Amino acid sequence: MSFFRSATAPELIEATAQLLNLPRSGTGPGLHRMLHLLHDVRQSPWWHNLEAIKITGSKGKGSTSALISAILRELGITSGLYTSPHLVQFGERIQVAGSPISVGDLVRGVHAVLRSREEYEALYPGDRIGAFEIFTAIALRHFAASRVTTIVSEAGIGGRYDSTRVISGGVVALTSVELEHTTLLGKSLDFIAFDKADLCPDGGTIVAGVVASDLLRRLQGYCDVRRIELIPVASSASVSPPVYRDGPMQFSMTCDGIDFGVLSSRLQGEHQAWNTALAVTTLRRWLARTGRSTSDETLKIAVREAVRTIEWPGRFQRVWTNPEVIMDVGHTPQSVRGVARTMRLVYPNRRILLVTGVSADKDAAGMLQELLPAADAVICTQACHKGMPVQDVVDLCRQIRPDLLLESRGRIEDAVDAALDQASQDEMVVLIAGGLFLAVEAAVHLHGGDPRALRFF
């Protein structure tokens, strides 16, 4: 699987190193800095006519963004797709019509935006530009040069001060709301939801995914004050419980009274069925807002084909076939809960070998509480990047499930190799889960790469 093989072009390696060595955060809110980095782009007619689709939420942003972009492509509408983080190569974050930014365009974009950064910080030495601001400016400059019809843009954190807020667009998808980044967004679900809602301008539309009804009630009040239309996806769409067979997941879906019939999706899990409904509902609002007339039949065909063909790496992805190995980059208890549930539904009669390790700054106990019930055996390990010490993972596993057959390997490579051997002998399915770093490092090793050579942000 070539996706997990790192590129070796020297100019790409140098440009990526420049980007990933940038300071993570700027000096406080940076919307004014974003406007500086985009000064020339903002003078163009393309920018003034832009009506983007913006995505925020605690989880599901990437899948929802990719689904919307894929449906647009099937409708013949060229879009730029901006997501984060990347798994292997930085260019994954910036795509046009399904293709990642080329090495040449990325290198030119890096040089141009870093020059603009130097000019700004020379004028205002106390005002530092952060990495995500640079990433967003590179993406938007590339989309402007490509003259895409629209942009599907995933927020970094929240919405109120997120770099993507400078992008014009009155339709926003809010995928979910969880307690996250509380030092930046607030210490309650209400504050976090309101911050994310501010990605939408006054008078716009927010389509909300699966969000608790009581929180939706309070968010409705906030949206009413700002004259924002709030559409809970559950009020306009329905999905059937998914059916899992060899390969794609199948489910039925209706949105806004349109019956899409049985859809076949490579994305696995009930949450992905709801992400599909959210994507379609959001896209219909964008089509209406931009005055694009699309027949129900044309939309049905586009949705069916997009859902059938879309792949979104790292989300319940089969990365090896003999034995079967599934990896998932979820890194919150809520995310891995869906992974564990889907694993048991997809493989109801198979024994599952879990390879796990958690980043030192994540809720390890919460994630292991969700993952371990799905496992018949576990190999604990430690990611090269920010991994919690393997003995700490072992201790937590023993506290949660003292009955579980458990081994440990200090190196991720050794853990993966041991899992392949054991799964082959015992006819088990391997699940690699516990965090983005762990899952990607394991997949890269599986495909002959060096996990220690990866550069994350």
Protein backbone atom coordinates (compact mmCIF):
# COMPACT_ATOMS: atom_id res chain seq x y z
CA MET A 1 0.00 0.00 0.00
CA SER A 2 1.96 2.99 -1.34
CA PHE A 3 0.17 5.49 0.90
CA PHE A 4 2.31 4.45 3.86
CA ARG A 5 5.62 4.83 2.02
CA SER A 6 7.26 8.18 2.70
CA ALA A 7 8.40 10.36 -0.18
CA THR A 8 12.14 10.92 -0.50
CA ALA A 9 12.40 14.00 -2.75
CA PRO A 10 15.08 16.19 -1.07
CA GLU A 11 13.20 19.43 -1.73
CA LEU A 12 10.04 17.95 -0.17
CA ILE A 13 11.91 16.71 2.89
CA GLU A 14 13.48 20.16 3.35
CA ALA A 15 10.16 22.01 2.90
CA THR A 16 8.36 19.67 5.31
CA ALA A 17 11.10 20.09 7.90
CA GLN A 18 10.73 23.88 7.65
CA LEU A 19 7.00 23.61 8.25
CA LEU A 20 7.12 21.13 11.12
CA ASN A 21 9.83 23.13 12.92
CA LEU A 22 7.60 26.19 13.10
CA PRO A 23 6.27 27.25 16.52
CA ARG A 24 2.97 25.44 17.10
CA SER A 25 1.08 28.53 18.29
CA GLY A 26 1.17 32.19 17.41
CA THR A 27 1.02 35.09 19.84
CA GLY A 28 -2.63 34.95 20.87
CA PRO A 29 -5.51 35.03 18.36
CA GLY A 30 -4.18 35.40 14.84
CA LEU A 31 -6.98 36.34 12.46
CA HIS A 32 -5.20 39.62 11.71
CA ARG A 33 -2.04 37.68 10.88
CA MET A 34 -3.99 35.41 8.52
CA LEU A 35 -5.28 38.46 6.65
CA HIS A 36 -1.68 39.66 6.23
CA LEU A 37 -0.49 36.29 4.89
CA LEU A 38 -3.34 36.34 2.36
CA HIS A 39 -3.11 40.02 1.42
CA ASP A 40 -2.59 39.46 -2.31
CA VAL A 41 -5.10 36.59 -2.53
CA ARG A 42 -7.77 38.72 -0.87
CA GLN A 43 -7.54 41.28 -3.66
CA SER A 44 -8.62 38.76 -6.31
CA PRO A 45 -12.15 38.34 -7.70
CA TRP A 46 -11.83 34.62 -6.89
CA TRP A 47 -11.62 35.40 -3.18
CA HIS A 48 -14.52 37.84 -3.24
CA ASN A 49 -16.75 35.31 -5.01
CA LEU A 50 -15.74 32.37 -2.81
CA GLU A 51 -18.44 30.49 -0.93
CA ALA A 52 -16.70 27.70 0.98
CA ILE A 53 -18.04 24.81 3.07
CA LYS A 54 -16.43 24.73 6.51
CA ILE A 55 -16.29 21.79 8.91
CA THR A 56 -15.70 21.87 12.65
CA GLY A 57 -16.29 19.45 15.52
CA SER A 58 -14.52 17.18 17.97
CA LYS A 59 -14.32 14.11 15.74
CA GLY A 60 -15.48 13.09 12.28
CA LYS A 61 -14.27 16.28 10.58
CA GLY A 62 -11.89 14.56 8.18
CA SER A 63 -14.33 11.90 7.00
CA THR A 64 -17.16 14.43 6.59
CA SER A 65 -14.90 16.83 4.68
CA ALA A 66 -13.67 14.04 2.39
CA LEU A 67 -17.23 12.87 1.71
CA ILE A 68 -18.39 16.37 0.75
CA SER A 69 -15.37 16.83 -1.51
CA ALA A 70 -15.98 13.45 -3.18
CA ILE A 71 -19.65 14.24 -3.86
CA LEU A 72 -18.72 17.63 -5.32
CA ARG A 73 -16.26 15.86 -7.59
CA GLU A 74 -18.98 13.48 -8.80
CA LEU A 75 -21.17 16.52 -9.51
CA GLY A 76 -18.40 18.03 -11.65
CA ILE A 77 -17.65 20.83 -9.17
CA THR A 78 -13.92 21.36 -8.55
CA SER A 79 -13.06 21.86 -4.90
CA GLY A 80 -10.02 22.30 -2.74
CA LEU A 81 -9.89 20.07 0.34
CA TYR A 82 -7.99 21.25 3.43
CA THR A 83 -7.72 18.83 6.35
CA SER A 84 -5.44 18.01 9.27
CA PRO A 85 -3.38 16.34 10.50
CA HIS A 86 -1.43 14.47 7.85
CA LEU A 87 -0.57 10.84 8.49
CA VAL A 88 2.57 10.31 6.42
CA GLN A 89 3.19 13.26 4.09
CA PHE A 90 2.35 16.92 4.62
CA GLY A 91 0.76 17.22 1.16
CA GLU A 92 -2.16 15.05 2.31
CA ARG A 93 -3.56 18.16 3.97
CA ILE A 94 -4.02 20.08 0.71
CA GLN A 95 -5.85 18.48 -2.22
CA VAL A 96 -7.51 19.70 -5.42
CA ALA A 97 -10.00 17.42 -7.18
CA GLY A 98 -8.80 14.49 -5.09
CA SER A 99 -5.08 14.95 -5.80
CA PRO A 100 -2.57 16.12 -3.16
CA ILE A 101 -0.59 19.27 -3.83
CA SER A 102 2.45 18.55 -6.01
CA VAL A 103 5.98 18.75 -4.60
CA GLY A 104 6.76 21.80 -6.74
CA ASP A 105 3.60 23.68 -5.73
CA LEU A 106 4.15 22.86 -2.07
CA VAL A 107 7.77 24.01 -2.12
CA ARG A 108 6.82 27.26 -3.88
CA GLY A 109 3.98 27.81 -1.41
CA VAL A 110 6.24 27.25 1.58
CA HIS A 111 8.81 29.75 0.31
CA ALA A 112 6.19 32.39 -0.50
CA VAL A 113 4.38 32.18 2.84
CA LEU A 114 7.58 32.02 4.90
CA ARG A 115 8.80 35.19 3.14
CA SER A 116 5.54 36.89 4.07
CA ARG A 117 5.99 35.66 7.65
CA GLU A 118 9.50 37.15 7.82
CA GLU A 119 8.24 40.50 6.57
CA TYR A 120 5.41 40.55 9.10
CA GLU A 121 7.53 39.58 12.09
CA ALA A 122 10.17 42.16 11.11
CA LEU A 123 7.45 44.82 11.25
CA TYR A 124 5.84 43.45 14.43
CA PRO A 125 8.57 41.54 16.29
CA GLY A 126 6.34 40.79 19.28
CA ASP A 127 3.62 39.16 17.17
CA ARG A 128 4.63 35.62 16.21
CA ILE A 129 2.86 33.68 13.44
CA GLY A 130 1.96 30.08 14.33
CA ALA A 131 2.33 26.92 12.28
CA PHE A 132 -1.36 26.34 11.51
CA GLU A 133 -1.63 29.89 10.20
CA ILE A 134 1.23 29.12 7.80
CA PHE A 135 -0.34 25.79 6.77
CA THR A 136 -3.70 27.45 6.09
CA ALA A 137 -2.13 30.26 4.06
CA ILE A 138 -0.23 27.76 1.89
CA ALA A 139 -3.46 25.84 1.25
CA LEU A 140 -5.50 28.92 0.38
CA ARG A 141 -2.84 30.30 -1.94
CA HIS A 142 -2.74 26.94 -3.74
CA PHE A 143 -6.53 26.87 -4.06
CA ALA A 144 -6.52 30.42 -5.40
CA ALA A 145 -3.88 29.54 -8.01
CA SER A 146 -5.90 26.46 -8.97
CA ARG A 147 -9.08 28.56 -9.25
CA VAL A 148 -11.22 25.94 -7.55
CA THR A 149 -14.96 26.57 -7.50
CA THR A 150 -15.17 26.08 -3.75
CA ILE A 151 -13.20 24.92 -0.72
CA VAL A 152 -14.06 22.24 1.81
CA SER A 153 -12.11 23.32 4.85
CA GLU A 154 -11.61 21.52 8.16
CA ALA A 155 -11.03 23.74 11.18
CA GLY A 156 -7.95 23.17 13.30
CA ILE A 157 -9.27 23.90 16.78
CA GLY A 158 -12.71 25.29 17.53
CA GLY A 159 -13.93 28.05 15.28
CA ARG A 160 -13.93 31.49 16.89
CA TYR A 161 -10.22 32.14 16.50
CA ASP A 162 -9.36 29.34 14.09
CA SER A 163 -7.30 30.32 11.05
CA THR A 164 -9.97 28.96 8.71
CA ARG A 165 -12.50 31.52 9.95
CA VAL A 166 -11.12 34.04 7.46
CA ILE A 167 -12.50 31.89 4.62
CA SER A 168 -15.81 33.17 3.30
CA GLY A 169 -18.62 30.66 3.58
CA GLY A 170 -22.06 30.64 5.14
CA VAL A 171 -22.57 26.86 5.46
CA VAL A 172 -20.85 25.01 8.31
CA ALA A 173 -21.03 21.39 9.44
CA LEU A 174 -20.61 20.77 13.18
CA THR A 175 -19.78 17.08 13.42
CA SER A 176 -19.74 16.53 17.20
CA VAL A 177 -18.96 18.22 20.51
CA GLU A 178 -16.76 16.71 23.21
CA LEU A 179 -14.63 18.05 26.04
CA GLU A 180 -11.36 18.88 24.26
CA HIS A 181 -8.77 21.67 24.25
CA THR A 182 -10.51 23.06 27.31
CA THR A 183 -7.76 25.60 28.04
CA LEU A 184 -8.48 27.21 24.65
CA LEU A 185 -12.18 26.55 24.05
CA GLY A 186 -13.68 26.53 27.53
CA LYS A 187 -14.32 24.04 30.29
CA SER A 188 -17.86 23.01 29.39
CA LEU A 189 -19.58 21.53 26.35
CA ASP A 190 -21.58 24.75 25.99
CA PHE A 191 -18.50 26.94 25.69
CA ILE A 192 -16.89 24.51 23.26
CA ALA A 193 -20.02 24.31 21.10
CA PHE A 194 -20.41 28.10 21.02
CA ASP A 195 -16.74 28.54 20.06
CA LYS A 196 -17.12 26.05 17.20
CA ALA A 197 -20.37 27.72 16.09
CA ASP A 198 -18.48 30.98 15.58
CA LEU A 199 -16.89 29.48 12.47
CA CYS A 200 -20.25 30.33 10.89
CA PRO A 201 -20.97 33.99 10.07
CA ASP A 202 -24.13 35.75 11.20
CA GLY A 203 -27.02 34.75 8.96
CA GLY A 204 -25.41 31.47 7.92
CA THR A 205 -26.42 27.84 8.40
CA ILE A 206 -24.98 25.20 10.72
CA VAL A 207 -25.81 21.55 10.13
CA ALA A 208 -25.17 19.67 13.38
CA GLY A 209 -24.23 16.01 13.52
CA VAL A 210 -25.05 13.63 16.34
CA VAL A 211 -25.09 16.06 19.28
CA ALA A 212 -26.90 15.53 22.60
CA SER A 213 -30.41 17.00 22.54
CA ASP A 214 -29.93 19.14 25.65
CA LEU A 215 -26.76 20.68 24.25
CA LEU A 216 -28.53 21.30 20.95
CA ARG A 217 -31.26 23.18 22.82
CA ARG A 218 -28.70 25.54 24.35
CA LEU A 219 -26.81 25.88 21.07
CA GLN A 220 -30.10 26.80 19.39
CA GLY A 221 -30.37 29.82 21.68
CA TYR A 222 -26.85 30.93 20.81
CA CYS A 223 -27.56 30.54 17.09
CA ASP A 224 -30.85 32.46 17.37
CA VAL A 225 -28.99 35.45 18.82
CA ARG A 226 -26.66 35.39 15.83
CA ARG A 227 -29.44 34.75 13.27
CA ILE A 228 -27.88 31.40 12.35
CA GLU A 229 -30.10 28.58 11.09
CA LEU A 230 -29.32 25.43 13.07
CA ILE A 231 -30.28 22.12 11.44
CA PRO A 232 -29.76 18.94 13.48
CA VAL A 233 -29.02 16.19 10.96
CA ALA A 234 -31.25 13.76 12.88
CA SER A 235 -34.24 16.01 12.15
CA SER A 236 -33.73 15.95 8.39
CA ALA A 237 -32.09 12.58 7.76
CA SER A 238 -32.24 8.95 8.82
CA VAL A 239 -29.87 6.01 8.44
CA SER A 240 -30.50 2.33 8.99
CA PRO A 241 -28.27 0.16 11.20
CA PRO A 242 -25.32 -0.79 9.00
CA VAL A 243 -24.84 -4.31 7.68
CA TYR A 244 -21.27 -5.60 7.51
CA ARG A 245 -20.20 -8.11 4.90
CA ASP A 246 -16.82 -8.92 3.41
CA GLY A 247 -15.55 -5.50 2.34
CA PRO A 248 -17.95 -2.52 2.22
CA MET A 249 -20.52 -1.55 4.82
CA GLN A 250 -24.11 -1.19 3.62
CA PHE A 251 -26.84 1.07 4.97
CA SER A 252 -29.97 2.88 3.81
CA MET A 253 -30.25 6.66 4.02
CA THR A 254 -32.79 9.41 3.47
CA CYS A 255 -31.98 13.13 3.56
CA ASP A 256 -34.48 15.95 3.21
CA GLY A 257 -37.07 13.46 1.98
CA ILE A 258 -34.78 12.04 -0.72
CA ASP A 259 -34.43 8.26 -0.50
CA PHE A 260 -30.86 7.33 -1.44
CA GLY A 261 -31.57 3.63 -1.11
CA VAL A 262 -28.88 1.21 0.01
CA LEU A 263 -25.41 2.75 0.02
CA SER A 264 -22.19 0.75 -0.02
CA SER A 265 -19.29 2.39 1.84
CA ARG A 266 -15.66 1.51 2.47
CA LEU A 267 -15.82 3.68 5.57
CA GLN A 268 -16.86 1.42 8.43
CA GLY A 269 -19.04 2.08 11.47
CA GLU A 270 -22.44 3.57 12.24
CA HIS A 271 -20.77 6.92 12.90
CA GLN A 272 -19.64 6.95 9.26
CA ALA A 273 -23.21 6.38 8.10
CA TRP A 274 -24.23 9.46 10.08
CA ASN A 275 -21.20 11.37 8.75
CA THR A 276 -22.53 10.57 5.26
CA ALA A 277 -25.95 11.97 6.16
CA LEU A 278 -24.28 15.06 7.61
CA ALA A 279 -22.18 15.53 4.46
CA VAL A 280 -25.20 15.24 2.14
CA THR A 281 -27.39 17.54 4.24
CA THR A 282 -24.62 20.14 4.41
CA LEU A 283 -23.94 19.94 0.70
CA ARG A 284 -27.62 20.44 -0.13
CA ARG A 285 -27.62 23.64 1.93
CA TRP A 286 -24.54 24.84 0.05
CA LEU A 287 -26.11 24.04 -3.32
CA ALA A 288 -29.20 26.05 -2.35
CA ARG A 289 -27.14 28.96 -1.01
CA THR A 290 -25.04 29.17 -4.18
CA GLY A 291 -28.04 28.80 -6.51
CA ARG A 292 -26.88 25.56 -8.11
CA SER A 293 -29.75 23.49 -9.41
CA THR A 294 -29.20 19.74 -9.09
CA SER A 295 -31.94 17.19 -9.64
CA ASP A 296 -32.62 14.60 -6.97
CA GLU A 297 -31.63 11.82 -9.37
CA THR A 298 -28.32 13.49 -10.24
CA LEU A 299 -27.56 13.94 -6.55
CA LYS A 300 -28.45 10.31 -5.80
CA ILE A 301 -26.05 9.07 -8.46
CA ALA A 302 -23.25 11.36 -7.23
CA VAL A 303 -23.72 10.35 -3.60
CA ARG A 304 -23.84 6.64 -4.34
CA GLU A 305 -20.65 6.76 -6.40
CA ALA A 306 -18.78 9.01 -3.95
CA VAL A 307 -19.70 6.85 -0.96
CA ARG A 308 -18.84 3.67 -2.86
CA THR A 309 -15.36 4.81 -3.86
CA ILE A 310 -14.17 7.08 -1.06
CA GLU A 311 -11.23 6.00 1.07
CA TRP A 312 -10.04 8.01 4.06
CA PRO A 313 -6.77 6.64 5.41
CA GLY A 314 -6.44 5.83 9.08
CA ARG A 315 -10.13 5.36 9.85
CA PHE A 316 -10.84 1.69 10.48
CA GLN A 317 -8.53 0.92 7.58
CA ARG A 318 -7.42 -2.56 6.53
CA VAL A 319 -3.65 -2.21 6.08
CA TRP A 320 -2.72 -5.89 5.76
CA THR A 321 -4.61 -8.91 4.53
CA ASN A 322 -2.81 -12.08 5.61
CA PRO A 323 -3.45 -11.94 8.50
CA GLU A 324 -6.03 -9.15 8.47
CA VAL A 325 -4.80 -5.99 10.20
CA ILE A 326 -7.06 -3.03 10.94
CA MET A 327 -5.65 0.29 12.09
CA ASP A 328 -7.44 3.36 13.43
CA VAL A 329 -5.99 6.73 14.43
CA GLY A 330 -8.68 7.63 16.99
CA HIS A 331 -7.17 9.20 20.11
CA THR A 332 -10.09 9.91 22.45
CA PRO A 333 -12.25 7.51 24.48
CA GLN A 334 -15.27 8.42 22.37
CA SER A 335 -13.42 7.73 19.11
CA VAL A 336 -12.05 4.35 20.11
CA ARG A 337 -15.42 3.33 21.58
CA GLY A 338 -16.78 3.39 18.03
CA VAL A 339 -13.73 1.49 16.77
CA ALA A 340 -14.18 -1.28 19.34
CA ARG A 341 -17.90 -1.58 18.62
CA THR A 342 -17.35 -1.68 14.87
CA MET A 343 -14.60 -4.27 15.25
CA ARG A 344 -16.97 -6.67 16.98
CA LEU A 345 -19.70 -6.06 14.41
CA VAL A 346 -17.42 -6.55 11.41
CA TYR A 347 -15.72 -9.63 12.88
CA PRO A 348 -18.40 -11.23 15.09
CA ASN A 349 -16.90 -14.72 14.98
CA ARG A 350 -13.20 -13.90 15.01
CA ARG A 351 -10.74 -13.58 17.88
CA ILE A 352 -9.18 -10.13 18.07
CA LEU A 353 -5.55 -9.34 18.94
CA LEU A 354 -5.16 -5.73 20.03
CA VAL A 355 -1.85 -3.90 19.59
CA THR A 356 -2.06 -0.77 21.70
CA GLY A 357 -0.14 2.08 23.22
CA VAL A 358 -1.25 5.62 24.06
CA SER A 359 0.39 9.02 23.74
CA ALA A 360 1.67 10.35 27.03
CA ASP A 361 -0.65 13.39 26.90
CA LYS A 362 -3.88 11.47 26.19
CA ASP A 363 -6.53 9.84 28.39
CA ALA A 364 -4.90 6.41 28.41
CA ALA A 365 -7.19 4.89 31.03
CA GLY A 366 -10.31 6.15 29.24
CA MET A 367 -9.21 4.76 25.88
CA LEU A 368 -8.13 1.39 27.25
CA GLN A 369 -11.46 1.08 29.09
CA GLU A 370 -13.13 1.24 25.67
CA LEU A 371 -10.68 -0.90 23.68
CA LEU A 372 -9.91 -3.81 25.98
CA PRO A 373 -13.43 -5.31 26.13
CA ALA A 374 -13.20 -5.95 22.37
CA ALA A 375 -9.90 -7.85 22.64
CA ASP A 376 -9.15 -11.52 23.19
CA ALA A 377 -5.43 -10.80 23.65
CA VAL A 378 -3.28 -7.69 23.74
CA ILE A 379 0.28 -6.67 22.93
CA CYS A 380 1.27 -3.43 24.65
CA THR A 381 3.88 -1.21 23.05
CA GLN A 382 5.09 2.37 22.81
CA ALA A 383 4.98 4.72 19.84
CA CYS A 384 8.28 6.35 18.85
CA HIS A 385 6.61 9.76 18.95
CA LYS A 386 5.27 10.86 22.34
CA GLY A 387 4.42 7.31 23.40
CA MET A 388 3.55 6.55 27.03
CA PRO A 389 6.11 4.16 28.61
CA VAL A 390 5.07 0.63 27.75
CA GLN A 391 5.10 -0.50 31.39
CA ASP A 392 2.51 2.17 32.23
CA VAL A 393 0.29 0.81 29.46
CA VAL A 394 0.78 -2.72 30.77
CA ASP A 395 -0.15 -1.66 34.31
CA LEU A 396 -3.35 0.04 33.12
CA CYS A 397 -4.35 -2.98 31.04
CA ARG A 398 -3.86 -5.29 34.01
CA GLN A 399 -5.97 -3.03 36.21
CA ILE A 400 -8.79 -2.91 33.67
CA ARG A 401 -8.74 -6.55 32.51
CA PRO A 402 -6.57 -8.77 34.71
CA ASP A 403 -7.93 -11.84 32.90
CA LEU A 404 -6.61 -10.80 29.48
CA LEU A 405 -3.72 -12.61 27.82
CA LEU A 406 -1.10 -9.87 27.69
CA GLU A 407 2.38 -9.38 26.25
CA SER A 408 4.54 -6.30 25.83
CA ARG A 409 7.15 -5.14 23.33
CA GLY A 410 9.13 -1.96 23.84
CA ARG A 411 9.55 -1.24 20.13
CA ILE A 412 6.59 -0.70 17.84
CA GLU A 413 8.28 -2.77 15.12
CA ASP A 414 8.65 -5.74 17.44
CA ALA A 415 5.03 -5.46 18.58
CA VAL A 416 3.74 -5.49 15.00
CA ASP A 417 5.94 -8.43 14.00
CA ALA A 418 4.85 -10.41 17.07
CA ALA A 419 1.20 -9.63 16.33
CA LEU A 420 1.52 -10.89 12.74
CA ASP A 421 3.09 -14.13 13.92
CA GLN A 422 0.50 -14.74 16.65
CA ALA A 423 -2.47 -13.80 14.45
CA SER A 424 -1.26 -16.10 11.66
CA GLN A 425 -0.86 -19.03 14.03
CA ASP A 426 -4.13 -18.52 15.91
CA GLU A 427 -6.28 -17.23 13.01
CA MET A 428 -6.90 -13.87 14.71
CA VAL A 429 -7.63 -10.39 13.39
CA VAL A 430 -5.22 -7.67 14.49
CA LEU A 431 -6.49 -4.25 15.62
CA ILE A 432 -3.88 -1.51 16.00
CA ALA A 433 -5.45 1.32 18.00
CA GLY A 434 -4.70 3.76 20.77
CA GLY A 435 -3.54 6.87 18.95
CA LEU A 436 -2.49 8.44 15.67
CA PHE A 437 1.25 8.05 16.20
CA LEU A 438 0.97 4.39 17.18
CA ALA A 439 -1.30 3.44 14.27
CA VAL A 440 0.63 5.29 11.56
CA GLU A 441 4.01 4.07 12.79
CA ALA A 442 2.75 0.50 12.76
CA ALA A 443 1.34 0.81 9.23
CA VAL A 444 4.55 2.38 7.94
CA HIS A 445 6.59 -0.49 9.44
CA LEU A 446 4.23 -3.02 7.87
CA HIS A 447 4.98 -1.54 4.47
CA GLY A 448 8.74 -1.50 4.84
CA GLY A 449 9.25 2.03 6.15
CA ASP A 450 11.04 3.44 9.18
CA PRO A 451 8.58 4.77 11.79
CA ARG A 452 11.37 6.79 13.38
CA ALA A 453 11.81 8.79 10.18
CA LEU A 454 8.20 10.09 10.31
CA ARG A 455 7.65 13.76 11.08
CA PHE A 456 4.42 14.64 12.85
CA PHE A 457 3.13 17.97 14.12
